[in-house]
Amino acid sequence: MPLPACSHRRREDEAAGGLRFRRPVRTILTGTLLGLALLSPIEAARTVVAQEAGRQAQEAGRPGGQAEASQGAGQRQQRQASNEPADLRLPAPVTTNHTLPEALGALKYKATAGSIVLSDQAGRPTAEIAYVAYVLDGQDPATRPIAFAFNGGPGAASAYLHFGAMGPQRLAFGNRGQGPSSPPILTDNPETWLPFTDLVFVDPVGTGYSRFLRDDQDLRQQFWSVNGDVAVLSRFVTRYLTENDRLRSPKVLVGESYGGFRVPKIARALQGDYGVGINGLYIISPVLDFNLKADGLPFSTAARLPSLVAAARAAKGEPITREGLAEVEAYAVGDYLVDVLKGPRDKAAVARIVDKVHEFTGLDRDFLTRSGGQPDMTDVARELGRPRSEVASYYDALITGLDQDPWATRASFDDPVLDASMAPLTSAAVDYTRRVLKYEVSRPYELLNSEINRRWSWGTRREGPEAGRDLKAAMALDPSMAVVVTHGFTDLVTPYLETRLVLDRLPATIADPERLRLEVVPGGHMFYTRDDSRRALRDSAERLFKAVGRKS
């Protein structure tokens, strides 16, 4: 889940009783859709890998009875050697026993909430990465798949995938999304992925309960960077697999939004730097190339056009399919781009754009004319809801909220999806961790950490950061690797056409439909909040896991 796009308001941190969620920085989206989209990845931040070469192994949590904690001597020694106050450290891992509902076969599984401590070359702890793992009982680790799930931001915890799509419990979302006072109540998730794969939900440092163990600005600079983040999370995956006897298992990385940008890079790093092969990637609503993201650039507005048309049609109750949007996709990457590149001084070109976009979307002609055929995303969100004094969400253009300043010249509003879901999702995550997983943590839970997003280092190279080359390299090196990318039709944050443009540039030998699929389903950025799309996601994922399991 990314931090949001356009410059609205920023609030101070809100804290109460161990709950805290930071109001996102509005100038940044999914690791900067707007101003930072032209920046680029940090060059070879291998210092993080070197720092962790001398780490001390932390003993993994042993399976236990209901709410029994497992704490090894190695972990106790590591805690004593850290010189950190006890209240800064996470508890020892806790493992609890659970059973899936009868409809899912009443399968028994263990849930472990814990952390892995990373250390520098001198053996000094640098950070704790918190995780929640679900492991089905009685399975052979050599054949049972395991999935590592990452959300986005950068700066987002894994709660979105955990409690929205994949985990055994989920937070129910209404047709109009959530509100801050929506009940933070989790229910059984019939679409959990646990019947076909074990699950590990990972919170990068600074998100969820994961924290630095030293107040060191150099550490922040290393960890909170494109390649540093990849190195740290690759080390986490390697440590978890090693310490839990899962190196033989079929392995899949799952990433949403910026997490979808992460996982091709993590897969490539694991292959080349850590000696760990990855069997598959499941990528949800990703940004694969930030060169396509800067608002106002021709490719950016072109890529959003099919999603805008999908929203307009869905609002009228029309069915949405890729086949039905084929004409719009062809126009977006054809005549639309040609006319946009002619510039706003070519009145005939602007007139053609206005006529066609109005025909497709129903957006006001004067509104389109004022923008030269390239409307700003903030203005589009407001225009979509203007007849009802509402604003549409960037994350799902079908979901609207009240416009708090309908008379204002400039739009200023909280997003009806992202902002409205923060309180219930934060409360649900904290309550579940303490009450169900019996993992009692006193530190605040960071669902969305805007400090990470503000301070993220994108590097100094001239081109923007992208993951397409990592995806291509990883798939070329491993002909057995399978990849699925799934988007929601009405997502304006990471529109599906953007990803299509990246995947279309891959060689045919890599983009074989048997190995690489692009799927688009109803809904927005978090399309899995819809029951039908969550079922489609689950079925698609099961097909991928069965395929990689046969090849392993």
Protein backbone atom coordinates (compact mmCIF):
# COMPACT_ATOMS: atom_id res chain seq x y z
CA MET A 1 0.00 0.00 0.00
CA PRO A 2 1.61 3.27 -1.02
CA LEU A 3 1.66 6.57 0.68
CA PRO A 4 -0.68 8.93 -1.13
CA ALA A 5 -0.18 11.15 -4.04
CA CYS A 6 -1.10 14.76 -4.06
CA SER A 7 -0.33 17.61 -1.74
CA HIS A 8 -3.26 17.96 0.64
CA ARG A 9 -2.68 18.33 4.37
CA ARG A 10 -0.22 16.84 6.80
CA ARG A 11 -1.19 16.16 10.38
CA GLU A 12 1.02 15.54 13.36
CA ASP A 13 1.41 12.04 14.73
CA GLU A 14 -1.61 10.72 16.58
CA ALA A 15 -0.88 8.55 19.58
CA ALA A 16 -3.08 6.89 22.17
CA GLY A 17 -2.59 3.78 24.26
CA GLY A 18 0.11 2.24 22.09
CA LEU A 19 -1.66 3.00 18.82
CA ARG A 20 -0.04 5.38 16.42
CA PHE A 21 -0.39 6.02 12.74
CA ARG A 22 1.34 8.83 10.99
CA ARG A 23 -0.55 10.96 8.53
CA PRO A 24 1.12 10.33 5.16
CA VAL A 25 3.08 12.97 3.29
CA ARG A 26 0.89 14.03 0.40
CA THR A 27 3.64 14.88 -2.01
CA ILE A 28 4.69 11.27 -2.30
CA LEU A 29 2.89 8.22 -3.69
CA THR A 30 4.04 4.64 -3.67
CA GLY A 31 7.53 5.96 -3.21
CA THR A 32 6.74 9.15 -5.13
CA LEU A 33 4.39 9.16 -8.00
CA LEU A 34 4.81 12.86 -8.44
CA GLY A 35 7.84 15.00 -7.65
CA LEU A 36 10.25 12.17 -6.85
CA ALA A 37 9.29 10.03 -9.81
CA LEU A 38 12.19 11.37 -11.83
CA LEU A 39 14.75 10.43 -9.20
CA SER A 40 16.57 7.17 -9.40
CA PRO A 41 17.91 4.19 -7.44
CA ILE A 42 20.89 4.38 -5.15
CA GLU A 43 24.00 2.87 -6.65
CA ALA A 44 24.86 -0.57 -5.25
CA ALA A 45 24.12 -0.05 -1.56
CA ARG A 46 25.92 -3.22 -0.58
CA THR A 47 27.06 -1.71 2.72
CA VAL A 48 23.97 -3.11 4.39
CA VAL A 49 24.90 -6.62 3.27
CA ALA A 50 28.41 -6.15 4.62
CA GLN A 51 27.13 -4.84 7.93
CA GLU A 52 25.10 -7.97 8.44
CA ALA A 53 27.87 -10.42 7.55
CA GLY A 54 28.89 -10.62 11.21
CA ARG A 55 25.41 -11.01 12.61
CA GLN A 56 24.69 -13.36 15.51
CA ALA A 57 22.13 -16.03 14.73
CA GLN A 58 18.88 -15.52 16.60
CA GLU A 59 17.21 -18.75 17.61
CA ALA A 60 13.92 -19.22 15.82
CA GLY A 61 10.71 -19.69 17.80
CA ARG A 62 9.96 -23.38 18.38
CA PRO A 63 6.45 -24.68 17.79
CA GLY A 64 4.62 -24.74 21.07
CA GLY A 65 1.22 -25.03 22.66
CA GLN A 66 -1.43 -22.35 22.86
CA ALA A 67 0.23 -19.02 23.62
CA GLU A 68 3.53 -20.61 24.70
CA ALA A 69 6.63 -18.47 24.11
CA SER A 70 9.85 -20.00 22.79
CA GLN A 71 13.01 -18.14 23.76
CA GLY A 72 16.41 -19.67 22.99
CA ALA A 73 19.67 -19.12 24.80
CA GLY A 74 21.18 -17.53 21.71
CA GLN A 75 18.43 -14.94 21.62
CA ARG A 76 18.80 -14.22 25.35
CA GLN A 77 22.52 -13.69 24.92
CA GLN A 78 21.90 -11.42 21.97
CA ARG A 79 19.45 -9.33 23.98
CA GLN A 80 21.92 -9.04 26.86
CA ALA A 81 24.71 -7.98 24.52
CA SER A 82 22.72 -5.24 22.85
CA ASN A 83 22.97 -2.68 25.66
CA GLU A 84 19.49 -1.54 24.68
CA PRO A 85 16.77 -0.80 27.24
CA ALA A 86 14.42 -3.74 27.61
CA ASP A 87 11.38 -1.69 26.57
CA LEU A 88 13.00 -1.03 23.17
CA ARG A 89 13.19 -4.72 22.33
CA LEU A 90 10.42 -6.93 21.05
CA PRO A 91 9.36 -9.96 23.09
CA ALA A 92 10.62 -13.44 22.28
CA PRO A 93 8.65 -15.18 19.51
CA VAL A 94 5.26 -16.54 20.56
CA THR A 95 3.62 -19.50 18.81
CA THR A 96 -0.09 -20.27 19.11
CA ASN A 97 -2.24 -23.08 17.70
CA HIS A 98 -5.30 -22.46 15.52
CA THR A 99 -7.74 -24.22 13.21
CA LEU A 100 -9.17 -23.03 9.91
CA PRO A 101 -12.99 -23.05 9.51
CA GLU A 102 -14.80 -26.23 8.50
CA ALA A 103 -15.38 -24.79 5.02
CA LEU A 104 -11.61 -24.78 4.53
CA GLY A 105 -11.14 -28.31 5.84
CA ALA A 106 -10.63 -27.52 9.53
CA LEU A 107 -6.89 -27.56 8.89
CA LYS A 108 -4.68 -27.00 11.92
CA TYR A 109 -1.90 -24.45 11.80
CA LYS A 110 0.55 -22.57 13.96
CA ALA A 111 0.91 -18.79 14.06
CA THR A 112 4.20 -17.27 15.20
CA ALA A 113 4.66 -13.59 15.97
CA GLY A 114 8.30 -12.68 16.38
CA SER A 115 11.27 -10.84 14.98
CA ILE A 116 14.70 -11.36 13.49
CA VAL A 117 17.52 -9.17 14.76
CA LEU A 118 20.02 -7.84 12.24
CA SER A 119 23.56 -6.98 13.33
CA ASP A 120 26.54 -5.12 11.95
CA GLN A 121 30.03 -6.54 11.35
CA ALA A 122 30.95 -6.01 14.98
CA GLY A 123 27.98 -8.07 16.11
CA ARG A 124 26.07 -5.05 17.41
CA PRO A 125 22.31 -5.30 16.81
CA THR A 126 21.09 -2.72 14.31
CA ALA A 127 17.38 -3.45 13.87
CA GLU A 128 14.54 -5.84 14.61
CA ILE A 129 12.33 -6.92 11.71
CA ALA A 130 8.97 -8.10 13.00
CA TYR A 131 6.95 -10.77 11.25
CA VAL A 132 3.90 -12.98 11.61
CA ALA A 133 4.17 -16.48 10.14
CA TYR A 134 1.47 -19.08 9.55
CA VAL A 135 2.54 -22.71 9.06
CA LEU A 136 0.13 -25.57 8.36
CA ASP A 137 0.62 -28.60 10.63
CA GLY A 138 1.88 -31.94 9.37
CA GLN A 139 3.41 -30.77 6.09
CA ASP A 140 6.71 -31.74 4.48
CA PRO A 141 8.91 -28.61 4.32
CA ALA A 142 10.52 -29.94 1.14
CA THR A 143 7.24 -29.74 -0.79
CA ARG A 144 5.13 -27.23 1.14
CA PRO A 145 5.39 -23.75 -0.46
CA ILE A 146 6.19 -20.67 1.59
CA ALA A 147 5.31 -17.07 0.68
CA PHE A 148 6.87 -13.84 1.97
CA ALA A 149 4.51 -10.86 1.74
CA PHE A 150 5.53 -7.20 1.58
CA ASN A 151 3.40 -4.08 1.32
CA GLY A 152 4.55 -0.79 -0.11
CA GLY A 153 4.94 2.88 0.66
CA PRO A 154 7.82 2.87 1.17
CA GLY A 155 6.72 3.11 4.77
CA ALA A 156 3.74 0.71 4.93
CA ALA A 157 3.36 -2.30 7.21
CA SER A 158 2.18 -5.63 5.81
CA ALA A 159 -1.25 -5.32 7.48
CA TYR A 160 -2.97 -4.56 4.17
CA LEU A 161 -2.12 -7.92 2.60
CA HIS A 162 -2.28 -9.68 5.98
CA PHE A 163 -5.77 -8.55 6.99
CA GLY A 164 -7.15 -7.59 3.60
CA ALA A 165 -6.32 -10.51 1.34
CA MET A 166 -4.11 -13.40 2.40
CA GLY A 167 -4.25 -14.10 6.13
CA PRO A 168 -6.67 -16.41 7.96
CA GLN A 169 -8.52 -13.39 9.37
CA ARG A 170 -9.58 -10.27 7.48
CA LEU A 171 -11.06 -6.85 8.06
CA ALA A 172 -14.39 -6.43 6.27
CA PHE A 173 -14.61 -3.43 3.95
CA GLY A 174 -17.96 -2.03 2.85
CA ASN A 175 -18.81 -1.02 -0.70
CA ARG A 176 -17.82 2.57 0.12
CA GLY A 177 -14.66 1.57 1.95
CA GLN A 178 -14.01 2.19 5.63
CA GLY A 179 -14.40 5.12 8.00
CA PRO A 180 -12.20 5.89 11.00
CA SER A 181 -14.92 4.69 13.37
CA SER A 182 -15.64 1.46 11.45
CA PRO A 183 -15.44 -1.52 13.83
CA PRO A 184 -11.90 -2.95 13.84
CA ILE A 185 -13.28 -6.48 13.94
CA LEU A 186 -11.61 -9.33 12.08
CA THR A 187 -13.54 -12.34 10.80
CA ASP A 188 -12.56 -15.66 9.22
CA ASN A 189 -11.21 -15.18 5.70
CA PRO A 190 -12.61 -17.83 3.32
CA GLU A 191 -10.09 -16.65 0.72
CA THR A 192 -6.98 -17.11 2.86
CA TRP A 193 -3.97 -18.51 1.02
CA LEU A 194 -3.01 -20.78 3.92
CA PRO A 195 -4.54 -23.98 2.45
CA PHE A 196 -1.96 -23.91 -0.38
CA THR A 197 1.04 -22.08 1.11
CA ASP A 198 2.61 -21.13 4.40
CA LEU A 199 2.72 -17.36 4.91
CA VAL A 200 5.22 -14.89 6.35
CA PHE A 201 4.12 -11.25 6.61
CA VAL A 202 7.14 -8.95 6.88
CA ASP A 203 7.30 -5.38 8.20
CA PRO A 204 10.38 -3.45 7.00
CA VAL A 205 12.27 -1.45 9.60
CA GLY A 206 10.20 1.51 10.81
CA THR A 207 6.85 -0.10 9.96
CA GLY A 208 4.56 -2.25 12.10
CA TYR A 209 6.58 -3.15 15.19
CA SER A 210 9.95 -3.23 13.38
CA ARG A 211 12.48 -0.72 14.69
CA PHE A 212 16.09 0.37 14.67
CA LEU A 213 17.95 -0.66 17.80
CA ARG A 214 20.38 2.25 17.62
CA ASP A 215 19.74 5.93 17.07
CA ASP A 216 22.07 6.07 14.09
CA GLN A 217 21.34 8.33 11.13
CA ASP A 218 23.73 6.37 8.92
CA LEU A 219 21.67 3.24 9.55
CA ARG A 220 18.52 5.05 8.51
CA GLN A 221 20.16 6.26 5.33
CA GLN A 222 21.29 2.72 4.50
CA PHE A 223 18.06 0.93 5.36
CA TRP A 224 15.74 3.58 3.91
CA SER A 225 17.01 3.47 0.35
CA VAL A 226 16.10 1.50 -2.75
CA ASN A 227 19.00 -0.95 -2.71
CA GLY A 228 19.55 -0.88 1.04
CA ASP A 229 15.93 -1.94 1.55
CA VAL A 230 16.40 -4.80 -0.91
CA ALA A 231 19.56 -5.96 0.86
CA VAL A 232 17.94 -5.88 4.31
CA LEU A 233 14.81 -7.76 3.23
CA SER A 234 16.87 -10.29 1.27
CA ARG A 235 18.87 -10.92 4.43
CA PHE A 236 15.63 -11.35 6.40
CA VAL A 237 14.28 -13.91 3.91
CA THR A 238 17.56 -15.83 3.96
CA ARG A 239 17.69 -15.83 7.75
CA TYR A 240 14.09 -16.97 8.11
CA LEU A 241 14.50 -19.79 5.58
CA THR A 242 17.73 -20.96 7.20
CA GLU A 243 16.59 -20.79 10.81
CA ASN A 244 13.24 -22.47 10.12
CA ASP A 245 14.51 -25.29 7.84
CA ARG A 246 12.69 -23.95 4.76
CA LEU A 247 15.51 -23.63 2.22
CA ARG A 248 14.16 -26.72 0.42
CA SER A 249 10.63 -25.34 0.15
CA PRO A 250 9.14 -23.83 -3.03
CA LYS A 251 9.44 -20.08 -2.40
CA VAL A 252 7.26 -17.22 -3.66
CA LEU A 253 7.58 -13.49 -3.00
CA VAL A 254 4.37 -11.44 -2.83
CA GLY A 255 4.43 -7.66 -3.07
CA GLU A 256 1.80 -4.95 -3.30
CA SER A 257 2.37 -1.43 -4.68
CA TYR A 258 5.96 -0.45 -3.79
CA GLY A 259 6.19 -4.00 -2.50
CA GLY A 260 5.60 -5.04 -6.11
CA PHE A 261 8.60 -2.88 -7.04
CA ARG A 262 10.60 -4.57 -4.27
CA VAL A 263 10.07 -8.24 -5.02
CA PRO A 264 11.74 -8.50 -8.47
CA LYS A 265 14.76 -6.80 -6.92
CA ILE A 266 14.71 -9.06 -3.87
CA ALA A 267 14.42 -12.13 -6.11
CA ARG A 268 17.41 -10.97 -8.14
CA ALA A 269 19.44 -10.24 -4.99
CA LEU A 270 18.59 -13.62 -3.48
CA GLN A 271 19.68 -15.37 -6.68
CA GLY A 272 22.96 -13.53 -7.07
CA ASP A 273 24.05 -12.46 -3.59
CA TYR A 274 22.57 -15.00 -1.16
CA GLY A 275 22.39 -18.28 -3.06
CA VAL A 276 18.62 -18.61 -2.69
CA GLY A 277 16.38 -19.39 -5.66
CA ILE A 278 12.84 -18.02 -5.85
CA ASN A 279 10.22 -20.10 -7.66
CA GLY A 280 7.65 -17.40 -8.30
CA LEU A 281 6.49 -13.84 -7.81
CA TYR A 282 2.93 -12.66 -7.21
CA ILE A 283 2.85 -8.90 -7.77
CA ILE A 284 -0.20 -6.80 -6.82
CA SER A 285 -0.87 -3.24 -8.05
CA PRO A 286 2.82 -2.47 -8.60
CA VAL A 287 4.93 0.36 -9.91
CA LEU A 288 7.56 -1.34 -12.05
CA ASP A 289 9.02 1.80 -13.63
CA PHE A 290 8.97 5.22 -11.99
CA ASN A 291 10.02 6.81 -15.26
CA LEU A 292 6.35 6.46 -16.25
CA LYS A 293 4.98 7.97 -13.05
CA ALA A 294 5.54 11.74 -12.96
CA ASP A 295 2.17 13.49 -13.06
CA GLY A 296 1.76 15.65 -16.13
CA LEU A 297 4.06 13.61 -18.35
CA PRO A 298 2.37 12.16 -21.44
CA PHE A 299 2.86 8.51 -20.48
CA SER A 300 1.46 9.13 -16.99
CA THR A 301 -1.85 10.59 -18.17
CA ALA A 302 -2.07 8.08 -21.03
CA ALA A 303 -1.65 5.16 -18.62
CA ARG A 304 -4.51 6.39 -16.41
CA LEU A 305 -6.98 6.82 -19.27
CA PRO A 306 -8.30 3.21 -19.42
CA SER A 307 -8.74 3.24 -15.63
CA LEU A 308 -10.72 6.49 -15.83
CA VAL A 309 -12.92 4.99 -18.54
CA ALA A 310 -13.40 1.85 -16.45
CA ALA A 311 -14.53 3.99 -13.51
CA ALA A 312 -16.97 5.95 -15.68
CA ARG A 313 -18.49 2.78 -17.10
CA ALA A 314 -18.63 0.94 -13.79
CA ALA A 315 -20.39 3.94 -12.20
CA LYS A 316 -23.13 3.45 -14.79
CA GLY A 317 -23.38 -0.25 -14.01
CA GLU A 318 -21.66 -1.40 -17.17
CA PRO A 319 -19.49 -4.54 -17.04
CA ILE A 320 -15.75 -3.93 -17.29
CA THR A 321 -13.43 -6.25 -19.24
CA ARG A 322 -10.05 -5.96 -20.93
CA GLU A 323 -11.75 -6.70 -24.23
CA GLY A 324 -14.19 -3.85 -23.66
CA LEU A 325 -11.30 -1.48 -22.95
CA ALA A 326 -9.16 -2.57 -25.91
CA GLU A 327 -10.16 0.48 -27.97
CA VAL A 328 -9.30 2.81 -25.08
CA GLU A 329 -5.91 1.15 -24.54
CA ALA A 330 -5.12 1.48 -28.25
CA TYR A 331 -6.11 5.15 -28.24
CA ALA A 332 -4.13 5.86 -25.06
CA VAL A 333 -0.84 4.56 -26.48
CA GLY A 334 -1.59 5.78 -30.01
CA ASP A 335 -3.45 8.89 -31.10
CA TYR A 336 -3.70 10.28 -27.57
CA LEU A 337 0.06 10.26 -27.07
CA VAL A 338 0.63 11.71 -30.53
CA ASP A 339 -1.68 14.64 -29.83
CA VAL A 340 -0.41 15.23 -26.28
CA LEU A 341 3.16 15.42 -27.57
CA LYS A 342 2.11 18.20 -29.94
CA GLY A 343 1.59 20.38 -26.89
CA PRO A 344 -1.21 22.68 -25.69
CA ARG A 345 -0.46 25.34 -28.33
CA ASP A 346 -1.78 22.96 -31.00
CA LYS A 347 -5.45 23.81 -30.55
CA ALA A 348 -6.61 21.19 -33.04
CA ALA A 349 -4.75 18.46 -31.14
CA VAL A 350 -6.21 19.61 -27.82
CA ALA A 351 -9.70 19.68 -29.35
CA ARG A 352 -9.30 16.10 -30.58
CA ILE A 353 -8.16 14.98 -27.12
CA VAL A 354 -11.03 16.76 -25.40
CA ASP A 355 -13.61 15.25 -27.75
CA LYS A 356 -12.31 11.71 -27.41
CA VAL A 357 -11.65 11.76 -23.65
CA HIS A 358 -15.07 13.32 -23.05
CA GLU A 359 -16.62 10.60 -25.19
CA PHE A 360 -14.85 7.88 -23.22
CA THR A 361 -15.14 9.29 -19.67
CA GLY A 362 -17.90 11.90 -19.60
CA LEU A 363 -15.51 14.39 -17.95
CA ASP A 364 -16.49 18.02 -18.51
CA ARG A 365 -15.17 19.51 -21.78
CA ASP A 366 -14.17 22.81 -20.18
CA PHE A 367 -12.31 20.93 -17.44
CA LEU A 368 -10.43 18.90 -20.02
CA THR A 369 -9.68 21.96 -22.15
CA ARG A 370 -8.22 23.89 -19.20
CA SER A 371 -5.75 21.06 -18.59
CA GLY A 372 -4.73 20.76 -22.23
CA GLY A 373 -6.06 17.22 -22.24
CA GLN A 374 -3.75 16.19 -19.37
CA PRO A 375 -5.73 16.73 -16.15
CA ASP A 376 -3.93 16.56 -12.81
CA MET A 377 -4.87 13.53 -10.71
CA THR A 378 -6.05 15.67 -7.80
CA ASP A 379 -8.35 17.63 -10.07
CA VAL A 380 -9.65 14.45 -11.70
CA ALA A 381 -10.50 12.98 -8.29
CA ARG A 382 -12.47 16.09 -7.44
CA GLU A 383 -14.13 16.35 -10.85
CA LEU A 384 -15.40 12.77 -10.68
CA GLY A 385 -17.36 13.57 -7.51
CA ARG A 386 -18.18 17.22 -8.16
CA PRO A 387 -21.91 16.73 -8.98
CA ARG A 388 -22.42 15.36 -5.46
CA SER A 389 -19.88 17.62 -3.66
CA GLU A 390 -17.71 14.54 -3.22
CA VAL A 391 -14.19 13.50 -4.14
CA ALA A 392 -13.12 10.18 -5.63
CA SER A 393 -10.28 8.12 -4.23
CA TYR A 394 -7.08 7.77 -6.22
CA TYR A 395 -6.94 4.22 -4.93
CA ASP A 396 -10.35 3.32 -6.30
CA ALA A 397 -12.11 5.90 -8.45
CA LEU A 398 -15.46 4.24 -7.67
CA ILE A 399 -15.19 5.08 -3.96
CA THR A 400 -15.99 8.66 -3.00
CA GLY A 401 -15.99 10.76 0.15
CA LEU A 402 -17.33 14.16 1.10
CA ASP A 403 -15.43 17.18 -0.22
CA GLN A 404 -14.61 19.13 2.93
CA ASP A 405 -14.07 22.38 0.98
CA PRO A 406 -16.32 22.15 -2.11
CA TRP A 407 -16.06 25.91 -2.73
CA ALA A 408 -12.23 26.02 -2.64
CA THR A 409 -10.28 26.69 -5.82
CA ARG A 410 -7.63 24.10 -4.96
CA ALA A 411 -8.57 20.61 -3.86
CA SER A 412 -7.72 19.68 -0.27
CA PHE A 413 -9.03 16.40 1.05
CA ASP A 414 -8.21 13.15 2.77
CA ASP A 415 -8.36 10.11 0.53
CA PRO A 416 -11.63 8.17 1.01
CA VAL A 417 -9.78 4.84 0.87
CA LEU A 418 -6.31 5.30 2.34
CA ASP A 419 -7.02 7.80 5.11
CA ALA A 420 -10.40 6.36 6.02
CA SER A 421 -8.99 2.86 6.55
CA MET A 422 -6.01 3.78 8.72
CA ALA A 423 -7.74 3.83 12.11
CA PRO A 424 -9.71 0.56 11.82
CA LEU A 425 -6.80 -1.31 10.25
CA THR A 426 -4.32 -0.08 12.86
CA SER A 427 -6.67 -0.98 15.73
CA ALA A 428 -7.43 -4.38 14.21
CA ALA A 429 -3.73 -5.21 13.78
CA VAL A 430 -2.85 -4.24 17.36
CA ASP A 431 -5.84 -6.04 18.87
CA TYR A 432 -5.23 -9.22 16.86
CA THR A 433 -1.54 -9.32 17.72
CA ARG A 434 -2.18 -8.99 21.46
CA ARG A 435 -5.44 -10.88 21.88
CA VAL A 436 -5.20 -13.71 19.32
CA LEU A 437 -1.46 -14.14 18.81
CA LYS A 438 -0.70 -13.41 22.50
CA TYR A 439 2.21 -11.21 21.43
CA GLU A 440 2.16 -8.23 23.77
CA VAL A 441 4.15 -5.28 22.48
CA SER A 442 4.34 -1.93 24.24
CA ARG A 443 5.82 0.08 21.38
CA PRO A 444 3.52 1.92 18.92
CA TYR A 445 2.38 0.16 15.76
CA GLU A 446 3.30 2.05 12.57
CA LEU A 447 0.80 1.25 9.83
CA LEU A 448 2.05 4.05 7.56
CA ASN A 449 5.26 5.81 8.53
CA SER A 450 5.57 9.09 6.67
CA GLU A 451 9.10 9.69 7.98
CA ILE A 452 10.33 6.77 5.89
CA ASN A 453 8.65 8.15 2.82
CA ARG A 454 10.06 11.64 3.35
CA ARG A 455 13.59 10.39 3.94
CA TRP A 456 13.69 7.63 1.34
CA SER A 457 16.84 7.74 -0.79
CA TRP A 458 16.22 7.21 -4.49
CA GLY A 459 19.86 7.60 -5.48
CA THR A 460 21.73 9.94 -7.77
CA ARG A 461 21.57 8.37 -11.22
CA ARG A 462 19.88 10.25 -14.02
CA GLU A 463 17.14 7.75 -14.85
CA GLY A 464 14.24 6.94 -12.56
CA PRO A 465 14.18 3.76 -10.46
CA GLU A 466 12.67 0.76 -12.17
CA ALA A 467 12.31 -2.97 -11.54
CA GLY A 468 11.65 -4.19 -15.08
CA ARG A 469 15.30 -5.04 -15.66
CA ASP A 470 15.44 -6.99 -12.40
CA LEU A 471 12.33 -8.92 -13.39
CA LYS A 472 13.81 -9.68 -16.81
CA ALA A 473 17.16 -10.75 -15.36
CA ALA A 474 15.62 -12.97 -12.67
CA MET A 475 13.32 -14.72 -15.14
CA ALA A 476 16.08 -15.12 -17.73
CA LEU A 477 18.42 -16.70 -15.18
CA ASP A 478 15.72 -19.08 -13.92
CA PRO A 479 13.51 -20.45 -16.73
CA SER A 480 11.30 -22.13 -14.11
CA MET A 481 10.32 -18.87 -12.39
CA ALA A 482 6.65 -17.96 -12.86
CA VAL A 483 5.19 -14.47 -12.37
CA VAL A 484 1.66 -13.10 -12.08
CA VAL A 485 0.90 -9.37 -11.95
CA THR A 486 -2.63 -8.34 -10.94
CA HIS A 487 -4.22 -4.88 -11.01
CA GLY A 488 -7.61 -3.35 -10.31
CA PHE A 489 -9.41 -1.67 -13.21
CA THR A 490 -10.22 1.56 -11.34
CA ASP A 491 -6.85 2.15 -9.64
CA LEU A 492 -5.55 5.64 -10.53
CA VAL A 493 -2.46 5.26 -8.34
CA THR A 494 -0.86 2.37 -10.22
CA PRO A 495 -2.95 1.96 -13.40
CA TYR A 496 -2.72 -1.41 -15.10
CA LEU A 497 -1.73 0.05 -18.47
CA GLU A 498 1.53 1.27 -16.93
CA THR A 499 2.48 -2.30 -16.09
CA ARG A 500 1.39 -3.50 -19.52
CA LEU A 501 3.79 -1.02 -21.12
CA VAL A 502 6.66 -2.42 -19.01
CA LEU A 503 5.82 -6.08 -19.65
CA ASP A 504 5.34 -5.48 -23.38
CA ARG A 505 9.02 -4.57 -23.60
CA LEU A 506 10.18 -7.97 -22.30
CA PRO A 507 11.50 -10.54 -24.80
CA ALA A 508 8.96 -13.08 -26.00
CA THR A 509 10.98 -15.93 -24.50
CA ILE A 510 10.53 -14.41 -21.05
CA ALA A 511 7.01 -13.07 -21.53
CA ASP A 512 5.67 -16.54 -22.39
CA PRO A 513 2.05 -16.64 -21.12
CA GLU A 514 2.89 -19.89 -19.34
CA ARG A 515 5.40 -17.98 -17.22
CA LEU A 516 4.15 -14.39 -17.08
CA ARG A 517 0.55 -13.17 -16.83
CA LEU A 518 -1.05 -9.76 -16.41
CA GLU A 519 -4.52 -9.99 -14.87
CA VAL A 520 -6.97 -7.14 -14.25
CA VAL A 521 -9.97 -7.47 -11.95
CA PRO A 522 -12.76 -5.18 -10.71
CA GLY A 523 -11.73 -2.71 -8.02
CA GLY A 524 -8.92 -0.31 -7.28
CA HIS A 525 -5.47 -0.42 -5.73
CA MET A 526 -6.69 -2.71 -2.94
CA PHE A 527 -9.08 -4.57 -5.21
CA TYR A 528 -9.12 -7.45 -2.73
CA THR A 529 -11.48 -5.47 -0.49
CA ARG A 530 -14.17 -6.57 -2.98
CA ASP A 531 -15.43 -10.10 -2.36
CA ASP A 532 -15.42 -11.09 -6.04
CA SER A 533 -11.93 -9.77 -6.69
CA ARG A 534 -10.53 -11.29 -3.50
CA ARG A 535 -11.83 -14.67 -4.67
CA ALA A 536 -10.28 -14.10 -8.09
CA LEU A 537 -6.97 -13.19 -6.45
CA ARG A 538 -7.01 -16.27 -4.29
CA ASP A 539 -7.79 -18.58 -7.25
CA SER A 540 -5.09 -16.96 -9.38
CA ALA A 541 -2.54 -17.31 -6.59
CA GLU A 542 -3.43 -20.96 -6.04
CA ARG A 543 -2.78 -21.69 -9.72
CA LEU A 544 0.65 -20.05 -9.46
CA PHE A 545 1.58 -21.94 -6.30
CA LYS A 546 0.50 -25.26 -7.78
CA ALA A 547 2.57 -24.54 -10.89
CA VAL A 548 5.75 -23.66 -9.01
CA GLY A 549 5.23 -26.58 -6.65
CA ARG A 550 5.23 -29.01 -9.58
CA LYS A 551 8.45 -27.51 -10.95
CA SER A 552 10.36 -27.50 -7.67
